[in-house]
């Protein structure tokens, strides 16, 4: 058995940050183990032309941001994948097992970056690629011109400076993890602007059964997770990750982050 654990993730700075967060306590539990990070590009990374992630997910064969990672996991190319729980389909990929990851869970709220809601002029252009956020913005400010945007966090923030947008809506979790919270912003009250149910939870998965000995998966953060999101699942069945899904109550009640690995 190799003493190198291969960790798969997407290529973005946020994905790298999430791997680092997950790995720090795990490395202490497995002092004899070396860790190798492997980049896995997803449909949403490769297709920058299709305007909505829902359409990307259709061509990606599942999720715009998790299908290829899960496939790499079950085929043995990597031992564990670290990703955002919101990017996973609501049903667990066959042959994989969701793991707990060390908490605490990041801020679940959404953030208006570049302005406050009251500070936006009538007809202001606000960027977001999420149907949920579009509906919520227009419910609060029907006069806004909501523009579909995609890309990583730094790129979307730049659109408020030189991309012709007055503001963009992003997740507080990503902004906090990257240290990119802008000077001018408004953090939305989750009662008024409910976030997506599994949002801001980091996730990891491994294969099940795993080719590695059970001792590799016994410590905090690498054992199987309790399905804490199941109560919300009836509100959003059969949705794939990064596809349009509704908000649900109880989003603030889950205190920990999560992670995945293969089932064999």
C-alpha atoms as a PDB file:
ATOM      1  CA  UNK A   1       0.000   0.000   0.000  1.00  0.00           C
ATOM      2  CA  UNK A   2       1.428   3.381  -1.011  1.00  0.00           C
ATOM      3  CA  UNK A   3       2.231   5.841   1.752  1.00  0.00           C
ATOM      4  CA  UNK A   4       1.158   8.685  -0.520  1.00  0.00           C
ATOM      5  CA  UNK A   5      -2.473   9.836  -0.349  1.00  0.00           C
ATOM      6  CA  UNK A   6      -3.628  11.488  -3.574  1.00  0.00           C
ATOM      7  CA  UNK A   7      -6.060  14.368  -3.046  1.00  0.00           C
ATOM      8  CA  UNK A   8      -8.151  15.522  -5.988  1.00  0.00           C
ATOM      9  CA  UNK A   9      -9.671  18.967  -6.345  1.00  0.00           C
ATOM     10  CA  UNK A  10     -10.407  21.669  -8.886  1.00  0.00           C
ATOM     11  CA  UNK A  11      -7.711  24.140  -9.911  1.00  0.00           C
ATOM     12  CA  UNK A  12      -9.039  27.407  -8.470  1.00  0.00           C
ATOM     13  CA  UNK A  13      -7.419  29.257  -5.593  1.00  0.00           C
ATOM     14  CA  UNK A  14     -10.547  28.622  -3.526  1.00  0.00           C
ATOM     15  CA  UNK A  15     -10.292  24.870  -4.200  1.00  0.00           C
ATOM     16  CA  UNK A  16      -6.624  24.915  -3.158  1.00  0.00           C
ATOM     17  CA  UNK A  17      -7.528  26.798   0.009  1.00  0.00           C
ATOM     18  CA  UNK A  18     -10.195  24.229   0.889  1.00  0.00           C
ATOM     19  CA  UNK A  19      -7.701  21.393   0.417  1.00  0.00           C
ATOM     20  CA  UNK A  20      -5.252  23.158   2.723  1.00  0.00           C
ATOM     21  CA  UNK A  21      -7.963  23.640   5.367  1.00  0.00           C
ATOM     22  CA  UNK A  22      -8.994  19.983   5.195  1.00  0.00           C
ATOM     23  CA  UNK A  23      -5.446  18.626   5.101  1.00  0.00           C
ATOM     24  CA  UNK A  24      -3.973  20.515   8.076  1.00  0.00           C
ATOM     25  CA  UNK A  25      -5.609  18.414  10.846  1.00  0.00           C
ATOM     26  CA  UNK A  26      -5.586  15.227   8.745  1.00  0.00           C
ATOM     27  CA  UNK A  27      -1.800  15.386   8.283  1.00  0.00           C
ATOM     28  CA  UNK A  28      -1.379  15.487  12.068  1.00  0.00           C
ATOM     29  CA  UNK A  29      -3.480  12.311  12.423  1.00  0.00           C
ATOM     30  CA  UNK A  30      -1.449  10.454   9.763  1.00  0.00           C
ATOM     31  CA  UNK A  31       2.183  11.454  10.451  1.00  0.00           C
ATOM     32  CA  UNK A  32       3.639   8.703   8.262  1.00  0.00           C
ATOM     33  CA  UNK A  33       1.574   9.669   5.234  1.00  0.00           C
ATOM     34  CA  UNK A  34       2.696  11.919   2.379  1.00  0.00           C
ATOM     35  CA  UNK A  35       0.047  13.868   0.483  1.00  0.00           C
ATOM     36  CA  UNK A  36      -0.064  14.704  -3.210  1.00  0.00           C
ATOM     37  CA  UNK A  37      -2.572  17.133  -4.685  1.00  0.00           C
ATOM     38  CA  UNK A  38      -4.018  16.341  -8.124  1.00  0.00           C
ATOM     39  CA  UNK A  39      -5.892  18.896 -10.234  1.00  0.00           C
ATOM     40  CA  UNK A  40      -9.100  17.675 -11.890  1.00  0.00           C
ATOM     41  CA  UNK A  41     -10.860  20.005 -14.324  1.00  0.00           C
ATOM     42  CA  UNK A  42     -14.648  19.925 -14.403  1.00  0.00           C
ATOM     43  CA  UNK A  43     -17.149  20.784 -17.132  1.00  0.00           C
ATOM     44  CA  UNK A  44     -17.713  24.173 -15.533  1.00  0.00           C
ATOM     45  CA  UNK A  45     -13.971  24.864 -15.660  1.00  0.00           C
ATOM     46  CA  UNK A  46     -13.554  23.824 -19.278  1.00  0.00           C
ATOM     47  CA  UNK A  47     -16.728  25.429 -20.658  1.00  0.00           C
ATOM     48  CA  UNK A  48     -16.530  29.190 -20.102  1.00  0.00           C
ATOM     49  CA  UNK A  49     -18.965  30.024 -22.921  1.00  0.00           C
ATOM     50  CA  UNK A  50     -22.274  28.446 -21.871  1.00  0.00           C
ATOM     51  CA  UNK A  51     -24.083  31.187 -19.914  1.00  0.00           C
ATOM     52  CA  UNK A  52     -25.631  29.103 -17.110  1.00  0.00           C
ATOM     53  CA  UNK A  53     -24.254  26.286 -14.967  1.00  0.00           C
ATOM     54  CA  UNK A  54     -27.541  24.427 -15.320  1.00  0.00           C
ATOM     55  CA  UNK A  55     -26.836  24.088 -19.043  1.00  0.00           C
ATOM     56  CA  UNK A  56     -23.215  23.108 -18.368  1.00  0.00           C
ATOM     57  CA  UNK A  57     -24.417  20.403 -15.965  1.00  0.00           C
ATOM     58  CA  UNK A  58     -26.572  18.883 -18.719  1.00  0.00           C
ATOM     59  CA  UNK A  59     -23.546  18.375 -20.971  1.00  0.00           C
ATOM     60  CA  UNK A  60     -21.229  17.415 -18.086  1.00  0.00           C
ATOM     61  CA  UNK A  61     -23.329  14.358 -17.304  1.00  0.00           C
ATOM     62  CA  UNK A  62     -24.213  15.341 -13.760  1.00  0.00           C
ATOM     63  CA  UNK A  63     -22.650  18.260 -11.963  1.00  0.00           C
ATOM     64  CA  UNK A  64     -20.799  21.147 -13.544  1.00  0.00           C
ATOM     65  CA  UNK A  65     -18.266  21.020 -10.718  1.00  0.00           C
ATOM     66  CA  UNK A  66     -18.006  17.471  -9.342  1.00  0.00           C
ATOM     67  CA  UNK A  67     -18.621  14.785 -12.011  1.00  0.00           C
ATOM     68  CA  UNK A  68     -15.000  14.364 -13.140  1.00  0.00           C
ATOM     69  CA  UNK A  69     -13.656  14.385  -9.581  1.00  0.00           C
ATOM     70  CA  UNK A  70     -16.078  11.655  -8.534  1.00  0.00           C
ATOM     71  CA  UNK A  71     -15.186   9.609 -11.615  1.00  0.00           C
ATOM     72  CA  UNK A  72     -11.469   9.946 -10.762  1.00  0.00           C
ATOM     73  CA  UNK A  73     -12.268   8.758  -7.260  1.00  0.00           C
ATOM     74  CA  UNK A  74     -14.132   5.571  -8.187  1.00  0.00           C
ATOM     75  CA  UNK A  75     -11.576   4.642 -10.873  1.00  0.00           C
ATOM     76  CA  UNK A  76      -8.715   4.893  -8.368  1.00  0.00           C
ATOM     77  CA  UNK A  77      -6.937   7.906  -9.845  1.00  0.00           C
ATOM     78  CA  UNK A  78      -7.178   9.670  -6.471  1.00  0.00           C
ATOM     79  CA  UNK A  79      -7.821   8.507  -2.892  1.00  0.00           C
ATOM     80  CA  UNK A  80      -9.975  11.412  -1.725  1.00  0.00           C
ATOM     81  CA  UNK A  81     -11.543  14.514  -3.233  1.00  0.00           C
ATOM     82  CA  UNK A  82     -12.162  17.821  -1.474  1.00  0.00           C
ATOM     83  CA  UNK A  83     -14.838  20.129  -2.812  1.00  0.00           C
ATOM     84  CA  UNK A  84     -17.809  22.331  -1.932  1.00  0.00           C
ATOM     85  CA  UNK A  85     -20.834  20.364  -0.771  1.00  0.00           C
ATOM     86  CA  UNK A  86     -23.117  22.649  -2.793  1.00  0.00           C
ATOM     87  CA  UNK A  87     -21.480  21.349  -5.996  1.00  0.00           C
ATOM     88  CA  UNK A  88     -22.541  17.756  -5.329  1.00  0.00           C
ATOM     89  CA  UNK A  89     -25.767  16.200  -6.639  1.00  0.00           C
ATOM     90  CA  UNK A  90     -28.338  15.537  -3.924  1.00  0.00           C
ATOM     91  CA  UNK A  91     -27.774  11.790  -4.339  1.00  0.00           C
ATOM     92  CA  UNK A  92     -24.339  10.430  -3.398  1.00  0.00           C
ATOM     93  CA  UNK A  93     -22.286   9.266  -6.390  1.00  0.00           C
ATOM     94  CA  UNK A  94     -22.282   5.450  -6.556  1.00  0.00           C
ATOM     95  CA  UNK A  95     -19.092   4.008  -5.107  1.00  0.00           C
ATOM     96  CA  UNK A  96     -18.286   7.030  -2.938  1.00  0.00           C
ATOM     97  CA  UNK A  97     -18.678   7.827   0.732  1.00  0.00           C
ATOM     98  CA  UNK A  98     -19.133  11.305   2.159  1.00  0.00           C
ATOM     99  CA  UNK A  99     -16.773  12.099   5.028  1.00  0.00           C
ATOM    100  CA  UNK A 100     -16.992  14.574   7.840  1.00  0.00           C
ATOM    101  CA  UNK A 101     -14.403  17.334   7.714  1.00  0.00           C
ATOM    102  CA  UNK A 102     -13.138  19.449  10.566  1.00  0.00           C
ATOM    103  CA  UNK A 103     -15.355  22.476  11.241  1.00  0.00           C
ATOM    104  CA  UNK A 104     -16.456  25.032  11.850  1.00  0.00           C
ATOM    105  CA  UNK A 105     -18.623  25.635   8.819  1.00  0.00           C
ATOM    106  CA  UNK A 106     -18.038  28.967   7.111  1.00  0.00           C
ATOM    107  CA  UNK A 107     -20.497  31.858   6.969  1.00  0.00           C
ATOM    108  CA  UNK A 108     -23.590  30.682   5.042  1.00  0.00           C
ATOM    109  CA  UNK A 109     -24.709  34.131   3.919  1.00  0.00           C
ATOM    110  CA  UNK A 110     -24.554  35.829   0.526  1.00  0.00           C
ATOM    111  CA  UNK A 111     -22.819  39.175   0.034  1.00  0.00           C
ATOM    112  CA  UNK A 112     -23.545  42.068  -2.314  1.00  0.00           C
ATOM    113  CA  UNK A 113     -20.080  43.258  -3.363  1.00  0.00           C
ATOM    114  CA  UNK A 114     -19.372  46.787  -4.628  1.00  0.00           C
ATOM    115  CA  UNK A 115     -22.420  48.464  -3.126  1.00  0.00           C
ATOM    116  CA  UNK A 116     -25.212  48.118  -0.613  1.00  0.00           C
ATOM    117  CA  UNK A 117     -28.684  47.240  -1.844  1.00  0.00           C
ATOM    118  CA  UNK A 118     -30.033  50.657  -0.873  1.00  0.00           C
ATOM    119  CA  UNK A 119     -27.037  52.317  -2.494  1.00  0.00           C
ATOM    120  CA  UNK A 120     -27.670  50.843  -5.940  1.00  0.00           C
ATOM    121  CA  UNK A 121     -29.105  53.298  -8.466  1.00  0.00           C
ATOM    122  CA  UNK A 122     -32.353  52.454 -10.188  1.00  0.00           C
ATOM    123  CA  UNK A 123     -31.647  50.038 -13.037  1.00  0.00           C
ATOM    124  CA  UNK A 124     -28.192  49.160 -11.679  1.00  0.00           C
ATOM    125  CA  UNK A 125     -26.440  46.169 -13.246  1.00  0.00           C
ATOM    126  CA  UNK A 126     -25.820  43.368 -10.739  1.00  0.00           C
ATOM    127  CA  UNK A 127     -23.997  40.172 -11.680  1.00  0.00           C
ATOM    128  CA  UNK A 128     -24.864  36.652 -10.549  1.00  0.00           C
ATOM    129  CA  UNK A 129     -25.143  33.295 -12.289  1.00  0.00           C
ATOM    130  CA  UNK A 130     -27.445  31.635  -9.761  1.00  0.00           C
ATOM    131  CA  UNK A 131     -31.197  31.492 -10.541  1.00  0.00           C
ATOM    132  CA  UNK A 132     -31.922  31.545  -6.802  1.00  0.00           C
ATOM    133  CA  UNK A 133     -30.004  34.785  -6.343  1.00  0.00           C
ATOM    134  CA  UNK A 134     -31.602  36.321  -9.428  1.00  0.00           C
ATOM    135  CA  UNK A 135     -35.089  35.646  -8.052  1.00  0.00           C
ATOM    136  CA  UNK A 136     -34.212  36.939  -4.600  1.00  0.00           C
ATOM    137  CA  UNK A 137     -32.591  40.119  -5.915  1.00  0.00           C
ATOM    138  CA  UNK A 138     -35.572  40.932  -8.108  1.00  0.00           C
ATOM    139  CA  UNK A 139     -37.957  40.238  -5.244  1.00  0.00           C
ATOM    140  CA  UNK A 140     -36.162  42.905  -3.214  1.00  0.00           C
ATOM    141  CA  UNK A 141     -35.365  45.282  -6.081  1.00  0.00           C
ATOM    142  CA  UNK A 142     -37.472  44.641  -9.214  1.00  0.00           C
ATOM    143  CA  UNK A 143     -35.813  47.583 -10.943  1.00  0.00           C
ATOM    144  CA  UNK A 144     -32.362  45.959 -11.077  1.00  0.00           C
ATOM    145  CA  UNK A 145     -30.782  44.678 -14.287  1.00  0.00           C
ATOM    146  CA  UNK A 146     -29.452  41.286 -13.204  1.00  0.00           C
ATOM    147  CA  UNK A 147     -26.669  40.070 -15.498  1.00  0.00           C
ATOM    148  CA  UNK A 148     -25.583  36.383 -15.691  1.00  0.00           C
ATOM    149  CA  UNK A 149     -21.882  35.989 -14.881  1.00  0.00           C
ATOM    150  CA  UNK A 150     -19.536  33.062 -14.295  1.00  0.00           C
ATOM    151  CA  UNK A 151     -15.933  32.662 -13.250  1.00  0.00           C
ATOM    152  CA  UNK A 152     -13.814  32.482 -10.126  1.00  0.00           C
ATOM    153  CA  UNK A 153     -14.196  34.821  -7.161  1.00  0.00           C
ATOM    154  CA  UNK A 154     -11.411  37.298  -8.063  1.00  0.00           C
ATOM    155  CA  UNK A 155     -12.630  37.501 -11.651  1.00  0.00           C
ATOM    156  CA  UNK A 156     -16.207  38.250 -10.652  1.00  0.00           C
ATOM    157  CA  UNK A 157     -15.091  40.900  -8.177  1.00  0.00           C
ATOM    158  CA  UNK A 158     -13.097  42.576 -10.937  1.00  0.00           C
ATOM    159  CA  UNK A 159     -16.292  42.997 -12.954  1.00  0.00           C
ATOM    160  CA  UNK A 160     -17.406  45.694 -10.468  1.00  0.00           C
ATOM    161  CA  UNK A 161     -14.278  47.715 -11.280  1.00  0.00           C
ATOM    162  CA  UNK A 162     -13.813  47.303 -15.016  1.00  0.00           C
ATOM    163  CA  UNK A 163     -16.539  44.962 -16.160  1.00  0.00           C
ATOM    164  CA  UNK A 164     -19.474  47.333 -16.374  1.00  0.00           C
ATOM    165  CA  UNK A 165     -21.280  46.024 -13.291  1.00  0.00           C
ATOM    166  CA  UNK A 166     -22.382  48.047 -10.278  1.00  0.00           C
ATOM    167  CA  UNK A 167     -22.212  45.025  -7.953  1.00  0.00           C
ATOM    168  CA  UNK A 168     -21.981  41.244  -7.857  1.00  0.00           C
ATOM    169  CA  UNK A 169     -23.405  38.694  -5.422  1.00  0.00           C
ATOM    170  CA  UNK A 170     -20.959  36.163  -3.976  1.00  0.00           C
ATOM    171  CA  UNK A 171     -20.798  33.748  -1.056  1.00  0.00           C
ATOM    172  CA  UNK A 172     -19.361  35.088   2.186  1.00  0.00           C
ATOM    173  CA  UNK A 173     -17.569  31.750   2.658  1.00  0.00           C
ATOM    174  CA  UNK A 174     -15.454  32.102  -0.468  1.00  0.00           C
ATOM    175  CA  UNK A 175     -14.687  35.748   0.201  1.00  0.00           C
ATOM    176  CA  UNK A 176     -13.629  34.937   3.764  1.00  0.00           C
ATOM    177  CA  UNK A 177     -11.532  31.913   2.803  1.00  0.00           C
ATOM    178  CA  UNK A 178      -9.667  33.978   0.207  1.00  0.00           C
ATOM    179  CA  UNK A 179      -9.467  37.158   2.278  1.00  0.00           C
ATOM    180  CA  UNK A 180     -11.234  39.100  -0.486  1.00  0.00           C
ATOM    181  CA  UNK A 181     -14.182  40.730   1.282  1.00  0.00           C
ATOM    182  CA  UNK A 182     -14.424  44.144  -0.486  1.00  0.00           C
ATOM    183  CA  UNK A 183     -14.478  47.400   1.438  1.00  0.00           C
ATOM    184  CA  UNK A 184     -17.943  48.261   0.139  1.00  0.00           C
ATOM    185  CA  UNK A 185     -20.390  45.398   0.619  1.00  0.00           C
ATOM    186  CA  UNK A 186     -23.592  44.248   2.290  1.00  0.00           C
ATOM    187  CA  UNK A 187     -23.970  40.872   3.956  1.00  0.00           C
ATOM    188  CA  UNK A 188     -27.537  39.734   3.356  1.00  0.00           C
ATOM    189  CA  UNK A 189     -29.709  38.665   6.270  1.00  0.00           C
ATOM    190  CA  UNK A 190     -30.422  34.937   5.628  1.00  0.00           C
ATOM    191  CA  UNK A 191     -34.042  35.456   6.671  1.00  0.00           C
ATOM    192  CA  UNK A 192     -34.493  38.007   3.889  1.00  0.00           C
ATOM    193  CA  UNK A 193     -32.073  36.409   1.408  1.00  0.00           C
ATOM    194  CA  UNK A 194     -32.012  32.653   2.228  1.00  0.00           C
ATOM    195  CA  UNK A 195     -28.831  30.879   1.134  1.00  0.00           C
ATOM    196  CA  UNK A 196     -28.693  27.521  -0.599  1.00  0.00           C
ATOM    197  CA  UNK A 197     -29.148  24.605   1.881  1.00  0.00           C
ATOM    198  CA  UNK A 198     -25.688  22.950   1.651  1.00  0.00           C
ATOM    199  CA  UNK A 199     -23.850  26.176   0.890  1.00  0.00           C
ATOM    200  CA  UNK A 200     -20.509  27.074   2.497  1.00  0.00           C
ATOM    201  CA  UNK A 201     -19.860  23.546   3.715  1.00  0.00           C
ATOM    202  CA  UNK A 202     -16.555  22.111   2.572  1.00  0.00           C
ATOM    203  CA  UNK A 203     -16.878  18.462   1.557  1.00  0.00           C
ATOM    204  CA  UNK A 204     -14.627  15.453   1.005  1.00  0.00           C
ATOM    205  CA  UNK A 205     -15.262  11.955  -0.311  1.00  0.00           C
ATOM    206  CA  UNK A 206     -13.477   8.623  -0.548  1.00  0.00           C
ATOM    207  CA  UNK A 207     -14.256   5.298  -2.230  1.00  0.00           C
ATOM    208  CA  UNK A 208     -16.207   2.666  -0.324  1.00  0.00           C
ATOM    209  CA  UNK A 209     -14.846   0.147   0.279  1.00  0.00           C
ATOM    210  CA  UNK A 210     -11.466   1.887   0.251  1.00  0.00           C
ATOM    211  CA  UNK A 211      -8.242   0.117  -0.785  1.00  0.00           C
ATOM    212  CA  UNK A 212      -6.558   1.808   2.166  1.00  0.00           C
ATOM    213  CA  UNK A 213      -6.589   0.211   5.633  1.00  0.00           C
ATOM    214  CA  UNK A 214      -9.435   1.248   7.977  1.00  0.00           C
ATOM    215  CA  UNK A 215      -6.949   3.062  10.227  1.00  0.00           C
ATOM    216  CA  UNK A 216      -6.612   5.742   7.544  1.00  0.00           C
ATOM    217  CA  UNK A 217     -10.257   6.734   7.967  1.00  0.00           C
ATOM    218  CA  UNK A 218     -10.853   6.625  11.723  1.00  0.00           C
ATOM    219  CA  UNK A 219      -9.860  10.083  12.931  1.00  0.00           C
ATOM    220  CA  UNK A 220     -11.983  13.230  13.186  1.00  0.00           C
ATOM    221  CA  UNK A 221     -12.583  14.640   9.731  1.00  0.00           C
ATOM    222  CA  UNK A 222     -11.929  11.427   7.798  1.00  0.00           C
ATOM    223  CA  UNK A 223     -14.656   9.109   9.083  1.00  0.00           C
ATOM    224  CA  UNK A 224     -18.047   8.704   7.416  1.00  0.00           C
ATOM    225  CA  UNK A 225     -20.369  11.646   7.911  1.00  0.00           C
ATOM    226  CA  UNK A 226     -23.789  11.778   9.499  1.00  0.00           C
ATOM    227  CA  UNK A 227     -26.285  12.723   6.747  1.00  0.00           C
ATOM    228  CA  UNK A 228     -27.109  16.081   8.349  1.00  0.00           C
ATOM    229  CA  UNK A 229     -28.546  17.540   5.165  1.00  0.00           C
ATOM    230  CA  UNK A 230     -31.116  14.788   4.640  1.00  0.00           C
ATOM    231  CA  UNK A 231     -34.019  16.750   6.261  1.00  0.00           C
ATOM    232  CA  UNK A 232     -33.656  19.397   3.589  1.00  0.00           C
ATOM    233  CA  UNK A 233     -33.366  16.930   0.710  1.00  0.00           C
ATOM    234  CA  UNK A 234     -37.133  16.599   0.053  1.00  0.00           C
ATOM    235  CA  UNK A 235     -37.105  20.322  -0.704  1.00  0.00           C
ATOM    236  CA  UNK A 236     -34.624  19.848  -3.553  1.00  0.00           C
ATOM    237  CA  UNK A 237     -34.704  16.254  -4.888  1.00  0.00           C
ATOM    238  CA  UNK A 238     -32.810  15.120  -7.989  1.00  0.00           C
ATOM    239  CA  UNK A 239     -30.867  18.331  -8.443  1.00  0.00           C
ATOM    240  CA  UNK A 240     -27.271  18.094  -9.569  1.00  0.00           C
ATOM    241  CA  UNK A 241     -24.557  20.262  -8.123  1.00  0.00           C
ATOM    242  CA  UNK A 242     -24.393  23.803  -9.498  1.00  0.00           C
ATOM    243  CA  UNK A 243     -27.878  23.401 -10.976  1.00  0.00           C
ATOM    244  CA  UNK A 244     -30.722  25.676  -9.894  1.00  0.00           C
ATOM    245  CA  UNK A 245     -32.076  24.615  -6.521  1.00  0.00           C
ATOM    246  CA  UNK A 246     -34.395  26.325  -4.095  1.00  0.00           C
ATOM    247  CA  UNK A 247     -33.552  27.597  -0.670  1.00  0.00           C
ATOM    248  CA  UNK A 248     -34.668  25.650   2.381  1.00  0.00           C
ATOM    249  CA  UNK A 249     -35.211  26.296   6.068  1.00  0.00           C
ATOM    250  CA  UNK A 250     -32.741  25.244   8.715  1.00  0.00           C
ATOM    251  CA  UNK A 251     -29.664  26.153   6.675  1.00  0.00           C
ATOM    252  CA  UNK A 252     -27.930  27.653   9.679  1.00  0.00           C
ATOM    253  CA  UNK A 253     -28.312  24.590  11.872  1.00  0.00           C
ATOM    254  CA  UNK A 254     -25.405  22.521  10.528  1.00  0.00           C
ATOM    255  CA  UNK A 255     -22.202  23.333  12.446  1.00  0.00           C
ATOM    256  CA  UNK A 256     -19.596  21.352  10.512  1.00  0.00           C
ATOM    257  CA  UNK A 257     -17.986  21.149   7.085  1.00  0.00           C
ATOM    258  CA  UNK A 258     -17.873  18.065   4.915  1.00  0.00           C
ATOM    259  CA  UNK A 259     -15.632  15.989   2.490  1.00  0.00           C
ATOM    260  CA  UNK A 260     -15.833  12.756  -0.001  1.00  0.00           C
ATOM    261  CA  UNK A 261     -13.924   9.474  -0.904  1.00  0.00           C
ATOM    262  CA  UNK A 262     -14.557   6.389  -3.220  1.00  0.00           C
ATOM    263  CA  UNK A 263     -16.715   3.248  -2.542  1.00  0.00           C
ATOM    264  CA  UNK A 264     -15.393   0.112  -4.215  1.00  0.00           C
END
